[in-house]
Structures are given as C-alpha cells and as structure tokens.
Amino acid sequence: MKKLILKAAVVLSTICPLSLDGVAAQTAEEVETGNRLAAVLRAGRSVVSNSQDLINNPDITDKGLSGDVFYEQVIEAYLEANGEPPLHDGLDPLEQKLTETQLDAMVKVIDANQEIINAEGVAFKGFIPAVFARLVNEQFADEIGTSAIVKVTAPSELVRNRMARPDTWENSVIEEKFKDSSWTEGQPFFEETNVSGTPAFRMLIPEYYSESCLSCHGSPAGETDVTGFPKEGGQLGDLAGAISITLFR
C-alpha cells in the first residue's frame, strides 16, 4: 500500500521548516493554508491505511466504515498529528471553506465506495491510500477547483497513474530541488506563479517512503506487488512523491 510520510514536523506551526521572516503576509497565510490542506489529506490517507485489514476482510459484509464514521476518525487522526482540530475558530473564511470542502469530499468518497468496501467474499479491494487520495482530490476540485487544487504527484519514473504525472512546474521542482542532495529533507518549495494565465500560489511538499510503503514499492525491483504493479525497488527514506497545492489569487 502506498503510505507516504512527510519527514518534517507535523504541527502546523512548525510543519514548514522554512523561515517565513520577511515573507509577504499573503504568502505566509497561503503557506499555512497549503500546510493545512496537506495535513488533512495525510490524515485521511492514514485512516485508510490503518483500515486496510478491515476493508480487505472478505468475511465482514458491513465494515461500519460510513462517511460519518470516517469523518470522526480523520478528525481524531489530524488532532493527534497536529495538536489541534482541522476546524477551529481561528481560521480565516477561506481556510475554513477549503478545509470544510476537503473533509466533505472525503465523506462523499467513502460513502460512494461502500459497495467496494463492503464487498462480500473479496479480500483485496484495491481501496488503498493512493486511490483514496486521488478520488478525494478530484471531488475537491469538482467542488472548489476555481479556488484551490490539491494533487498527489511523484517523480516521473515512479508514477503509476497517468493522472498523477507531474506537470512542468512540479517536475522542475522535483528534479531541480527535491532530488538535489543539498535540499533539506522535508522542506517544501513555494512561489508565486501563473497557472493557465491565472495568478496563483503554488506549493510542493516532498514525501518519502516509510516502512509500510515498501511492501508495494520496495525490493526486489520488478516483483509484482499486491496491486498488480511492479515494485520500484525503493528504500526507506527515498523520495517517493509530493503533495502539490495550488491556491488561485
């Protein structure tokens, strides 16, 4: 299963190891928003990862993993990882709206996949963290894509789903920064740019293989994993992907 970890502090106040001294107030707020969206997505993926034994149990036809139940588990996972709930009175209106929309997208994805999750007599369902994240990001974009886009991508040679291929900007950051041996592990990259002619803030947060990733992405390279893909031969701590955040201005 593809479970990625961000090797940086997980508390939102320290998740970005870059100093924001001298950064414009708007950009500092956008960094905070980007970190929050990434943290919510990671919380959702962690719940899916931790629920794999339940999801893939062929003998339980009602897993009890409804959208509402999943929502509560995501809130708990986020709180445990970040020391605060994803929604609280200190959020500005945009952050509130984006976070609510992202959580709502997760509930809709879980509810829409109940037939798969509860399939009787089927062991491996294929409803893994990577699939969940893609579906949530697509639902999020459908609902609020004119304001923000969240995407999980990876170095081109590691991409399994063509929809996750890095665009030109993402590929440049991955190849020229994240793969550079001098780049600080876990450090995000962000800048003001344009997306299809629209001014935007873009942020890319690197992620690395954890131990649980290696059953599908480790050695021996080329061996077929449980999902039917050849393993990449990755090692613990290798660059595995990145969360891409776009906030339109």
Protein backbone atom coordinates (compact mmCIF):
# COMPACT_ATOMS: atom_id res chain seq x y z
CA MET A 1 0.00 0.00 0.00
CA LYS A 2 1.31 3.45 -0.72
CA LYS A 3 1.61 5.21 2.59
CA LEU A 4 3.86 8.26 2.42
CA ILE A 5 5.27 10.26 5.27
CA LEU A 6 6.46 13.84 5.42
CA LYS A 7 9.78 13.98 7.23
CA ALA A 8 9.22 17.31 8.88
CA ALA A 9 7.42 18.49 11.98
CA VAL A 10 3.72 17.73 11.73
CA VAL A 11 2.39 20.51 13.94
CA LEU A 12 1.14 23.21 11.58
CA SER A 13 3.10 25.95 13.31
CA THR A 14 6.34 24.12 12.52
CA ILE A 15 5.50 21.88 9.59
CA CYS A 16 7.28 24.21 7.17
CA PRO A 17 10.97 24.29 8.12
CA LEU A 18 11.46 27.43 6.03
CA SER A 19 11.70 30.70 7.91
CA LEU A 20 8.88 32.99 6.85
CA ASP A 21 10.60 36.11 8.16
CA GLY A 22 10.26 38.80 5.52
CA VAL A 23 7.72 36.83 3.50
CA ALA A 24 4.67 38.84 2.47
CA ALA A 25 1.70 38.38 4.77
CA GLN A 26 -0.43 36.94 1.97
CA THR A 27 2.21 34.37 1.12
CA ALA A 28 2.66 33.41 4.77
CA GLU A 29 -1.09 32.81 5.01
CA GLU A 30 -1.01 30.75 1.83
CA VAL A 31 1.83 28.61 3.20
CA GLU A 32 -0.28 27.98 6.29
CA THR A 33 -3.28 27.07 4.13
CA GLY A 34 -1.18 24.76 1.96
CA ASN A 35 0.20 23.01 5.03
CA ARG A 36 -3.32 22.57 6.42
CA LEU A 37 -4.69 21.06 3.20
CA ALA A 38 -1.74 18.67 3.02
CA ALA A 39 -2.17 17.71 6.68
CA VAL A 40 -5.88 16.99 6.24
CA LEU A 41 -5.14 14.81 3.21
CA ARG A 42 -2.45 12.91 5.12
CA ALA A 43 -4.88 12.36 8.00
CA GLY A 44 -7.42 10.86 5.60
CA ARG A 45 -4.82 8.63 3.97
CA SER A 46 -3.65 7.43 7.38
CA VAL A 47 -7.19 6.34 8.31
CA VAL A 48 -7.50 4.41 5.03
CA SER A 49 -4.08 2.84 5.62
CA ASN A 50 -4.92 1.84 9.18
CA SER A 51 -8.25 0.40 7.99
CA GLN A 52 -6.80 -1.92 5.34
CA ASP A 53 -7.23 -5.09 7.41
CA LEU A 54 -10.88 -4.19 7.98
CA ILE A 55 -11.55 -3.09 4.40
CA ASN A 56 -9.94 -6.23 2.97
CA ASN A 57 -11.66 -8.68 5.32
CA PRO A 58 -13.82 -10.81 2.98
CA ASP A 59 -15.96 -12.17 5.81
CA ILE A 60 -17.35 -8.87 7.12
CA THR A 61 -20.04 -7.51 4.84
CA ASP A 62 -20.76 -4.35 6.81
CA LYS A 63 -17.48 -2.76 7.83
CA GLY A 64 -19.20 0.06 9.71
CA LEU A 65 -16.92 2.50 7.90
CA SER A 66 -19.51 5.02 6.74
CA GLY A 67 -18.64 8.54 5.68
CA ASP A 68 -19.68 9.88 9.08
CA VAL A 69 -17.57 7.32 10.95
CA PHE A 70 -14.63 8.02 8.67
CA TYR A 71 -15.01 11.77 9.26
CA GLU A 72 -14.67 11.32 13.02
CA GLN A 73 -11.59 9.15 12.56
CA VAL A 74 -9.97 11.76 10.32
CA ILE A 75 -10.61 14.49 12.89
CA GLU A 76 -9.02 12.28 15.55
CA ALA A 77 -6.03 11.45 13.35
CA TYR A 78 -5.50 15.10 12.47
CA LEU A 79 -5.74 16.16 16.11
CA GLU A 80 -3.23 13.51 17.16
CA ALA A 81 -0.75 14.53 14.45
CA ASN A 82 -1.11 18.30 14.69
CA GLY A 83 -2.24 19.10 18.22
CA GLU A 84 -5.38 20.90 17.13
CA PRO A 85 -8.53 20.01 15.16
CA PRO A 86 -8.61 20.85 11.45
CA LEU A 87 -11.55 23.20 12.00
CA HIS A 88 -11.50 25.83 14.75
CA ASP A 89 -12.46 29.44 15.35
CA GLY A 90 -9.01 30.77 14.41
CA LEU A 91 -9.34 30.02 10.70
CA ASP A 92 -9.96 32.78 8.20
CA PRO A 93 -13.05 32.36 5.96
CA LEU A 94 -11.13 30.91 3.00
CA GLU A 95 -9.23 28.41 5.14
CA GLN A 96 -12.48 27.40 6.77
CA LYS A 97 -14.19 26.89 3.42
CA LEU A 98 -11.30 24.93 1.89
CA THR A 99 -10.94 22.66 4.92
CA GLU A 100 -14.68 22.01 5.16
CA THR A 101 -14.79 21.21 1.43
CA GLN A 102 -11.85 18.83 1.70
CA LEU A 103 -13.39 16.96 4.64
CA ASP A 104 -16.75 16.85 2.86
CA ALA A 105 -15.01 15.39 -0.21
CA MET A 106 -13.63 12.59 1.96
CA VAL A 107 -17.09 11.76 3.34
CA LYS A 108 -18.53 11.66 -0.19
CA VAL A 109 -15.74 9.39 -1.46
CA ILE A 110 -16.18 6.93 1.41
CA ASP A 111 -19.97 6.88 1.01
CA ALA A 112 -19.67 6.43 -2.76
CA ASN A 113 -17.39 3.40 -2.30
CA GLN A 114 -19.42 1.47 0.28
CA GLU A 115 -20.16 -1.30 -2.23
CA ILE A 116 -16.42 -1.87 -2.73
CA ILE A 117 -15.52 -1.53 0.95
CA ASN A 118 -18.26 -3.98 1.99
CA ALA A 119 -17.89 -6.44 -0.91
CA GLU A 120 -18.52 -9.97 0.40
CA GLY A 121 -16.01 -12.69 -0.39
CA VAL A 122 -13.45 -10.25 -1.82
CA ALA A 123 -10.16 -9.91 0.02
CA PHE A 124 -8.00 -7.18 -1.53
CA LYS A 125 -10.35 -4.36 -2.58
CA GLY A 126 -7.79 -2.01 -4.12
CA PHE A 127 -9.16 0.84 -2.00
CA ILE A 128 -5.72 1.95 -0.84
CA PRO A 129 -4.49 5.37 0.39
CA ALA A 130 -3.25 6.44 -3.05
CA VAL A 131 -6.61 5.66 -4.70
CA PHE A 132 -8.49 7.37 -1.87
CA ALA A 133 -6.33 10.50 -2.16
CA ARG A 134 -6.86 10.73 -5.91
CA LEU A 135 -10.63 10.39 -5.57
CA VAL A 136 -10.75 12.98 -2.78
CA ASN A 137 -8.63 15.44 -4.75
CA GLU A 138 -10.88 15.00 -7.79
CA GLN A 139 -14.01 15.56 -5.68
CA PHE A 140 -12.39 18.60 -4.05
CA ALA A 141 -11.55 20.06 -7.47
CA ASP A 142 -15.11 19.50 -8.69
CA GLU A 143 -16.43 21.48 -5.75
CA ILE A 144 -13.91 24.27 -5.36
CA GLY A 145 -11.38 23.99 -8.18
CA THR A 146 -11.61 27.68 -9.06
CA SER A 147 -10.13 28.49 -5.65
CA ALA A 148 -7.71 25.65 -4.96
CA ILE A 149 -6.37 22.37 -6.29
CA VAL A 150 -4.73 19.57 -4.32
CA LYS A 151 -2.82 16.83 -6.11
CA VAL A 152 -0.51 13.97 -5.19
CA THR A 153 2.28 13.52 -7.71
CA ALA A 154 5.70 11.87 -7.84
CA PRO A 155 8.94 11.75 -9.80
CA SER A 156 8.01 10.74 -13.34
CA GLU A 157 9.70 7.34 -13.08
CA LEU A 158 7.58 6.44 -10.03
CA VAL A 159 4.16 7.49 -11.28
CA ARG A 160 1.74 4.57 -11.60
CA ASN A 161 -1.39 6.50 -12.59
CA ARG A 162 -1.06 8.82 -15.57
CA MET A 163 -3.39 11.29 -13.85
CA ALA A 164 -0.71 11.79 -11.21
CA ARG A 165 2.07 12.72 -13.60
CA PRO A 166 3.86 15.92 -12.55
CA ASP A 167 3.16 18.98 -14.66
CA THR A 168 6.03 21.14 -15.91
CA TRP A 169 6.27 23.19 -12.71
CA GLU A 170 6.04 20.17 -10.40
CA ASN A 171 8.57 18.22 -12.44
CA SER A 172 11.02 21.13 -12.35
CA VAL A 173 10.78 21.40 -8.56
CA ILE A 174 11.18 17.64 -8.10
CA GLU A 175 14.13 17.31 -10.46
CA GLU A 176 15.99 20.52 -9.68
CA LYS A 177 15.28 20.89 -5.96
CA PHE A 178 13.96 17.79 -4.19
CA LYS A 179 16.44 15.46 -5.92
CA ASP A 180 19.37 17.78 -5.20
CA SER A 181 21.50 16.33 -2.40
CA SER A 182 21.77 19.80 -0.85
CA TRP A 183 17.99 20.16 -0.47
CA THR A 184 16.89 19.97 3.15
CA GLU A 185 14.85 16.80 3.64
CA GLY A 186 11.16 17.56 4.08
CA GLN A 187 11.46 21.20 3.08
CA PRO A 188 8.60 22.40 0.86
CA PHE A 189 9.05 24.72 -2.09
CA PHE A 190 6.62 27.53 -2.85
CA GLU A 191 6.38 30.54 -5.12
CA GLU A 192 4.01 32.94 -6.81
CA THR A 193 3.40 31.97 -10.42
CA ASN A 194 0.70 31.65 -13.07
CA VAL A 195 -1.48 28.68 -13.95
CA SER A 196 -3.06 28.96 -17.40
CA GLY A 197 -2.73 32.73 -17.17
CA THR A 198 -4.24 32.99 -13.69
CA PRO A 199 -2.07 34.30 -10.82
CA ALA A 200 -1.55 31.58 -8.26
CA PHE A 201 0.43 30.49 -5.24
CA ARG A 202 1.96 27.05 -5.72
CA MET A 203 3.47 24.82 -3.07
CA LEU A 204 5.08 21.40 -3.36
CA ILE A 205 5.70 19.30 -0.23
CA PRO A 206 8.05 16.30 -0.60
CA GLU A 207 7.14 12.91 0.84
CA TYR A 208 9.32 9.88 1.47
CA TYR A 209 8.88 6.13 1.73
CA SER A 210 8.02 4.84 5.18
CA GLU A 211 8.43 1.21 6.20
CA SER A 212 4.80 0.44 5.31
CA CYS A 213 5.34 1.69 1.75
CA LEU A 214 7.99 -0.87 0.97
CA SER A 215 5.66 -3.87 0.73
CA CYS A 216 4.48 -2.37 -2.56
CA HIS A 217 7.31 -0.03 -3.53
CA GLY A 218 10.40 -1.72 -2.13
CA SER A 219 12.55 -4.65 -3.20
CA PRO A 220 13.03 -6.68 -5.20
CA ALA A 221 12.52 -4.21 -8.01
CA GLY A 222 10.24 -5.59 -10.70
CA GLU A 223 8.43 -8.07 -8.49
CA THR A 224 4.63 -7.76 -8.77
CA ASP A 225 3.02 -6.28 -5.68
CA VAL A 226 -0.48 -6.91 -4.35
CA THR A 227 -1.91 -4.17 -6.57
CA GLY A 228 -0.51 -5.78 -9.73
CA PHE A 229 2.25 -3.23 -10.35
CA PRO A 230 5.99 -3.98 -10.40
CA LYS A 231 7.82 -2.82 -7.31
CA GLU A 232 10.11 0.18 -7.76
CA GLY A 233 12.92 -1.03 -5.52
CA GLY A 234 12.57 1.96 -3.21
CA GLN A 235 14.33 2.18 0.12
CA LEU A 236 13.27 3.64 3.44
CA GLY A 237 13.51 7.42 3.29
CA ASP A 238 13.78 7.69 -0.51
CA LEU A 239 11.85 10.49 -2.21
CA ALA A 240 8.53 8.91 -3.13
CA GLY A 241 6.21 11.74 -4.13
CA ALA A 242 4.90 15.16 -3.29
CA ILE A 243 1.68 16.92 -2.35
CA SER A 244 1.01 19.78 -4.74
CA ILE A 245 -1.10 22.72 -3.59
CA THR A 246 -2.38 25.47 -5.89
CA LEU A 247 -4.23 28.47 -4.48
CA PHE A 248 -5.63 30.79 -7.11
CA ARG A 249 -5.50 34.51 -6.42
